[in-house]
Protein backbone atom coordinates (compact mmCIF):
# COMPACT_ATOMS: atom_id res chain seq x y z
CA MET A 1 53.56 -9.79 -126.03
CA MET A 2 56.26 -12.26 -125.01
CA ASN A 3 57.42 -14.70 -127.64
CA ALA A 4 57.92 -17.91 -125.67
CA GLU A 5 59.95 -19.41 -128.51
CA HIS A 6 62.69 -16.80 -128.22
CA ASP A 7 62.38 -15.34 -124.74
CA MET A 8 64.40 -16.85 -121.93
CA ARG A 9 64.59 -16.61 -118.16
CA LEU A 10 67.84 -15.93 -116.34
CA HIS A 11 68.06 -16.62 -112.60
CA ALA A 12 71.33 -15.27 -111.24
CA THR A 13 72.87 -14.98 -107.78
CA ILE A 14 75.68 -12.46 -107.44
CA GLN A 15 78.20 -13.02 -104.63
CA GLY A 16 80.74 -10.56 -103.30
CA HIS A 17 80.55 -7.01 -101.91
CA VAL A 18 77.19 -6.37 -103.56
CA GLN A 19 74.91 -4.93 -100.87
CA GLY A 20 74.85 -1.28 -99.83
CA VAL A 21 76.60 -0.24 -103.03
CA GLY A 22 73.62 0.59 -105.30
CA PHE A 23 73.64 -2.82 -106.98
CA ARG A 24 69.84 -3.24 -107.15
CA VAL A 25 69.28 0.20 -108.68
CA PHE A 26 72.15 -0.46 -111.12
CA VAL A 27 70.50 -3.73 -112.19
CA GLN A 28 67.02 -2.22 -112.42
CA GLN A 29 68.15 0.66 -114.64
CA TYR A 30 70.08 -1.58 -117.05
CA ALA A 31 67.34 -4.23 -117.14
CA ALA A 32 64.75 -1.57 -117.99
CA ASN A 33 67.01 -0.18 -120.75
CA LEU A 34 67.38 -3.71 -122.12
CA LYS A 35 63.56 -4.13 -122.10
CA LEU A 36 63.75 -7.01 -119.61
CA THR A 37 61.11 -7.91 -117.04
CA GLY A 38 61.49 -9.53 -113.62
CA TRP A 39 63.08 -8.43 -110.36
CA VAL A 40 66.24 -7.91 -108.33
CA ARG A 41 66.55 -8.27 -104.53
CA ASN A 42 69.07 -8.64 -101.75
CA THR A 43 69.25 -11.93 -99.91
CA TYR A 44 69.77 -12.41 -96.18
CA ARG A 45 73.00 -14.28 -97.03
CA GLY A 46 74.48 -11.05 -98.39
CA ASP A 47 74.06 -11.83 -102.09
CA VAL A 48 71.97 -10.15 -104.77
CA GLU A 49 69.45 -12.28 -106.65
CA VAL A 50 68.12 -11.49 -110.13
CA LEU A 51 65.27 -13.08 -112.05
CA ALA A 52 65.00 -11.59 -115.54
CA GLU A 53 63.11 -12.48 -118.69
CA GLY A 54 63.56 -11.30 -122.25
CA SER A 55 65.59 -12.00 -125.35
CA ARG A 56 68.68 -14.19 -124.95
CA ALA A 57 70.83 -11.36 -126.37
CA ALA A 58 69.53 -8.83 -123.81
CA LEU A 59 69.97 -11.33 -120.97
CA GLU A 60 73.57 -12.01 -122.07
CA LYS A 61 74.22 -8.24 -121.93
CA LEU A 62 72.70 -8.11 -118.44
CA LEU A 63 74.89 -11.02 -117.36
CA LEU A 64 78.01 -9.09 -118.43
CA LEU A 65 76.79 -6.13 -116.37
CA LEU A 66 76.14 -8.39 -113.36
CA GLU A 67 79.68 -9.75 -113.60
CA ALA A 68 81.08 -6.18 -113.63
CA GLY A 69 78.68 -4.63 -111.12
CA PRO A 70 78.47 -0.94 -110.26
CA HIS A 71 81.71 0.93 -109.56
CA SER A 72 81.53 0.55 -105.75
CA SER A 73 80.85 -3.20 -105.79
CA HIS A 74 83.20 -6.18 -105.92
CA VAL A 75 81.68 -9.21 -107.65
CA ILE A 76 83.30 -12.54 -106.78
CA GLN A 77 80.96 -14.99 -108.52
CA VAL A 78 77.74 -15.04 -110.55
CA ASP A 79 75.78 -18.30 -110.45
CA ARG A 80 73.28 -18.62 -113.29
CA GLU A 81 70.43 -20.85 -114.40
CA TRP A 82 68.70 -20.59 -117.76
CA SER A 83 65.13 -21.67 -118.46
CA ASP A 84 62.20 -20.74 -120.67
CA ALA A 85 60.47 -17.45 -119.92
CA SER A 86 57.10 -17.62 -118.16
CA GLY A 87 55.86 -14.21 -119.33
CA GLU A 88 54.54 -13.51 -115.81
CA PHE A 89 56.26 -10.12 -115.34
CA HIS A 90 55.28 -6.77 -116.83
CA GLN A 91 58.20 -4.63 -115.62
CA PHE A 92 61.52 -4.92 -113.83
CA ALA A 93 61.23 -4.17 -110.09
CA ILE A 94 63.29 -4.05 -106.93
CA GLU A 95 61.84 -6.60 -104.52
CA ARG A 96 62.11 -6.95 -100.74
CA THR A 97 65.02 -8.86 -99.25
CA ALA A 98 64.37 -12.60 -99.10
């Protein structure tokens, strides 16, 4: 059960050489290990978009991983927005490009 008082939502857009380098699988594996819910997807602009919910501490760890990226990527910038978690997700999934 999500605790709305402590759980947060992180919406991040990762810019750089982030498509075709295993970025989505990298994010999904780490997000699952951190017990986060939400999704990751490519965008038609060439970015990767992440919407994740969970504890602030776990989301901060995910943010550090997003800034580093997998070995074959080159992250230039990570835009982020914080808000309260909605509790609408049950797992962390890879979504279709949008």
